[in-house]
Protein backbone atom coordinates (compact mmCIF):
# COMPACT_ATOMS: atom_id res chain seq x y z
CA MET A 1 0.00 0.00 0.00
CA ASN A 2 1.35 3.41 -0.95
CA MET A 3 1.50 6.01 1.78
CA THR A 4 -0.03 9.43 1.16
CA PHE A 5 1.97 12.64 1.46
CA GLY A 6 0.26 13.34 4.78
CA GLN A 7 1.16 9.93 6.18
CA ILE A 8 4.78 10.30 5.06
CA LEU A 9 4.99 13.80 6.55
CA LYS A 10 3.57 12.63 9.87
CA ASP A 11 5.96 9.68 9.93
CA TYR A 12 8.98 11.95 9.33
CA ARG A 13 7.75 14.44 11.92
CA LEU A 14 7.27 11.79 14.59
CA LYS A 15 10.68 10.27 13.84
CA SER A 16 12.27 13.71 14.15
CA GLY A 17 10.74 14.19 17.59
CA LEU A 18 9.08 17.48 16.63
CA GLY A 19 5.58 18.25 17.77
CA LEU A 20 3.02 19.61 15.37
CA ARG A 21 3.10 23.07 16.97
CA GLU A 22 6.90 23.25 16.82
CA LEU A 23 7.00 22.23 13.16
CA ALA A 24 4.26 24.75 12.39
CA ARG A 25 6.28 27.49 14.09
CA LEU A 26 9.43 26.54 12.18
CA VAL A 27 7.73 26.66 8.79
CA GLY A 28 5.41 29.59 9.44
CA LYS A 29 2.16 27.68 9.14
CA SER A 30 -0.63 27.01 11.60
CA PRO A 31 -0.75 23.71 13.50
CA GLY A 32 -4.29 23.23 12.23
CA TYR A 33 -3.14 23.49 8.63
CA LEU A 34 -0.32 20.98 9.15
CA SER A 35 -2.75 18.65 10.91
CA ASP A 36 -5.03 18.89 7.90
CA VAL A 37 -2.09 18.07 5.60
CA GLU A 38 -1.02 15.10 7.74
CA ASN A 39 -4.58 13.77 7.78
CA ASP A 40 -5.03 14.29 4.02
CA ARG A 41 -7.88 16.75 4.45
CA VAL A 42 -6.06 19.23 2.17
CA PRO A 43 -3.60 18.71 -0.70
CA PRO A 44 0.15 18.85 -0.10
CA PRO A 45 1.55 22.34 0.38
CA SER A 46 3.52 24.32 -2.18
CA GLU A 47 7.05 23.38 -3.14
CA ALA A 48 8.45 26.24 -1.04
CA VAL A 49 6.64 25.02 2.09
CA ILE A 50 7.73 21.44 1.43
CA LEU A 51 11.36 22.61 1.24
CA ASP A 52 10.95 24.46 4.57
CA ILE A 53 9.45 21.32 6.12
CA ALA A 54 12.31 19.18 4.82
CA VAL A 55 14.85 21.53 6.42
CA ALA A 56 12.94 21.64 9.72
CA LEU A 57 12.71 17.84 9.86
CA GLY A 58 16.24 17.24 8.58
CA VAL A 59 15.05 15.00 5.75
CA ASP A 60 15.93 14.84 2.06
CA ARG A 61 13.81 17.34 0.18
CA ARG A 62 13.59 14.97 -2.78
CA ASP A 63 11.69 12.44 -0.69
CA LEU A 64 9.03 14.92 0.37
CA LEU A 65 8.73 16.49 -3.08
CA LYS A 66 8.34 13.04 -4.65
CA ALA A 67 5.69 12.07 -2.10
CA ALA A 68 3.77 15.24 -3.00
CA SER A 69 4.24 14.68 -6.77
CA LYS A 70 5.97 18.07 -6.97
CA VAL A 71 9.05 19.16 -8.88
CA ASP A 72 12.05 20.66 -7.11
CA PRO A 73 12.09 24.41 -7.86
CA GLU A 74 15.79 24.15 -8.75
CA LEU A 75 14.91 21.69 -11.52
CA SER A 76 12.05 23.84 -12.77
CA ASP A 77 14.38 26.82 -12.91
CA TYR A 78 17.05 24.80 -14.72
CA VAL A 79 14.61 23.56 -17.36
CA ALA A 80 13.18 27.07 -17.76
CA HIS A 81 16.65 28.42 -18.55
CA GLN A 82 17.85 25.50 -20.68
CA PRO A 83 15.56 25.28 -23.74
CA HIS A 84 17.19 22.05 -24.94
CA ALA A 85 16.37 20.42 -21.60
CA ALA A 86 12.70 21.27 -22.02
CA ASP A 87 12.77 20.00 -25.62
CA PHE A 88 14.41 16.76 -24.52
CA LEU A 89 11.88 16.19 -21.73
CA ARG A 90 9.04 16.87 -24.16
CA MET A 91 10.47 14.30 -26.61
CA ALA A 92 10.92 11.77 -23.79
CA LYS A 93 7.30 12.25 -22.76
CA GLU A 94 6.06 11.88 -26.34
CA GLN A 95 8.11 8.69 -26.78
CA GLY A 96 6.91 7.29 -23.46
CA TYR A 97 10.23 6.92 -21.64
CA ASP A 98 9.90 4.65 -18.62
CA ASN A 99 12.12 4.15 -15.56
CA GLY A 100 14.35 1.71 -17.40
CA ASP A 101 14.92 4.22 -20.18
CA TRP A 102 15.86 6.92 -17.67
CA GLU A 103 18.25 4.59 -15.86
CA ARG A 104 19.99 3.66 -19.13
CA LEU A 105 20.15 7.29 -20.16
CA ALA A 106 21.73 8.26 -16.82
CA GLN A 107 24.33 5.50 -17.27
CA LEU A 108 25.10 6.69 -20.80
CA ALA A 109 25.50 10.28 -19.62
CA LYS A 110 27.97 9.15 -16.95
CA LEU A 111 29.92 7.05 -19.43
CA ALA A 112 30.05 9.92 -21.91
CA ARG A 113 31.02 12.29 -19.09
CA PHE A 114 28.36 14.81 -19.99
CA GLY A 115 28.28 18.02 -17.97
CA LYS A 116 30.80 19.16 -15.42
CA GLY A 117 30.31 16.48 -12.76
CA GLU A 118 33.20 14.29 -13.84
CA GLU A 119 35.82 16.91 -14.69
CA GLY A 120 39.08 16.31 -12.93
CA LYS A 121 38.09 12.87 -11.68
CA GLU A 122 40.27 10.00 -12.74
């Protein structure tokens, strides 16, 4: 069974030892609102709030963003400023890339040493 964003958030919060009121104070939201999120009475918050929550709980932002089906604002910004990236993602969507395709593509990019991540490493 897949957990909802609210269930995942509550699980992380309880594991962190933070109370609902303390988390609400740290992220600038009301405890009632966070309770509604945790109990799936409202949709997940915005990306910015999710990032604040991740920092407050000391968890990986990617996990919370994925659970909320949201895109990291850094990635959105990157795609917005790299037209070829948007074109490539559009093509991948049209061709129906699946997880296996993305894994193979990531391996190929590493082997070809695309980008700056591998410079100076030997």
